[in-house]
Protein backbone atom coordinates (compact mmCIF):
# COMPACT_ATOMS: atom_id res chain seq x y z
CA MET A 1 50.87 57.67 36.97
CA LYS A 2 53.91 55.44 38.33
CA THR A 3 55.92 54.86 34.68
CA LYS A 4 59.45 53.61 36.06
CA TYR A 5 59.87 50.21 38.05
CA LYS A 6 62.55 48.66 39.94
CA TYR A 7 63.76 47.01 36.03
CA LEU A 8 61.96 48.74 33.84
CA GLU A 9 60.35 52.42 32.45
CA PHE A 10 57.61 52.84 30.52
CA ILE A 11 57.63 55.92 28.31
CA GLU A 12 54.23 57.46 26.94
CA GLY A 13 54.98 57.20 22.79
CA SER A 14 53.18 59.48 19.71
CA ASN A 15 49.71 58.21 19.12
CA PRO A 16 47.93 60.37 16.79
CA GLY A 17 43.78 59.49 16.09
CA ARG A 18 43.57 56.54 18.42
CA LYS A 19 41.65 57.06 21.93
CA THR A 20 44.36 54.86 23.65
CA ARG A 21 47.78 54.86 25.35
CA VAL A 22 50.94 52.85 24.66
CA PHE A 23 54.55 53.05 26.05
CA ASP A 24 57.44 51.78 24.97
CA VAL A 25 59.41 49.90 26.93
CA TYR A 26 63.31 50.04 28.59
CA ASN A 27 65.45 48.82 30.83
CA HIS A 28 65.73 52.20 32.69
CA VAL A 29 69.30 50.65 34.08
CA THR A 30 71.52 49.81 30.04
CA CYS A 31 68.73 52.25 28.74
CA VAL A 32 68.19 48.96 26.03
CA TYR A 33 65.07 49.42 24.38
CA LEU A 34 62.21 46.28 24.96
CA GLY A 35 59.00 46.61 23.11
CA TRP A 36 55.73 48.35 23.69
CA ILE A 37 53.02 48.59 25.43
CA GLY A 38 49.02 49.28 23.97
CA TRP A 39 45.55 48.73 23.07
CA ASP A 40 44.38 45.47 21.42
CA ARG A 41 41.05 45.21 20.94
CA GLY A 42 41.28 41.58 20.51
CA TRP A 43 42.20 40.96 24.21
CA ARG A 44 39.82 44.17 25.31
CA GLN A 45 43.38 45.16 27.98
CA TYR A 46 46.31 46.59 27.21
CA VAL A 47 49.42 44.25 26.43
CA SER A 48 53.19 44.03 25.49
CA HIS A 49 54.65 43.52 22.47
CA THR A 50 58.28 42.62 22.22
CA PRO A 51 59.71 42.94 18.81
CA HIS A 52 60.98 39.97 16.69
CA PHE A 53 64.56 40.54 17.54
CA GLY A 54 65.76 39.22 20.94
CA PRO A 55 66.04 36.59 22.82
CA PHE A 56 65.03 38.69 26.42
CA ILE A 57 65.78 37.00 29.13
CA PHE A 58 62.37 38.00 31.88
CA SER A 59 63.03 37.85 35.56
CA ALA A 60 60.04 37.04 37.35
CA GLY A 61 60.48 40.79 38.72
CA CYS A 62 60.76 42.85 35.11
CA HIS A 63 57.25 40.67 34.47
CA LEU A 64 55.96 42.05 38.08
CA ASP A 65 57.74 45.93 36.54
CA PHE A 66 54.78 45.26 33.56
CA ALA A 67 51.98 43.13 35.42
CA ARG A 68 51.78 45.97 37.42
CA PHE A 69 52.34 49.34 34.66
CA ILE A 70 49.48 47.67 32.53
CA LYS A 71 47.03 47.44 36.09
CA GLN A 72 47.92 51.02 36.39
CA LEU A 73 45.91 51.99 32.86
CA MET A 74 43.95 48.83 33.06
CA ASP A 75 42.21 50.98 36.18
CA GLU A 76 42.94 54.33 34.43
CA ARG A 77 40.62 53.94 31.42
CA LYS A 78 37.69 52.01 34.27
CA LYS A 79 36.89 55.61 35.77
């Protein structure tokens, strides 16, 4: 699974007692923590969560990195 993209890096975290995976999201150049990706029961899919500090500004390229990684997780889940 690809975890490092043009702008972002996704590092798998601990998720004891749960079936789904969680990933911390970092800017891979500055190593700044941006949030996490995890399963959301309401959406029935993986979603990105950003903490309530910041502000963070994301370019279209950053959003593509999020989208591509979440698509990978969803494709893996469907197997």
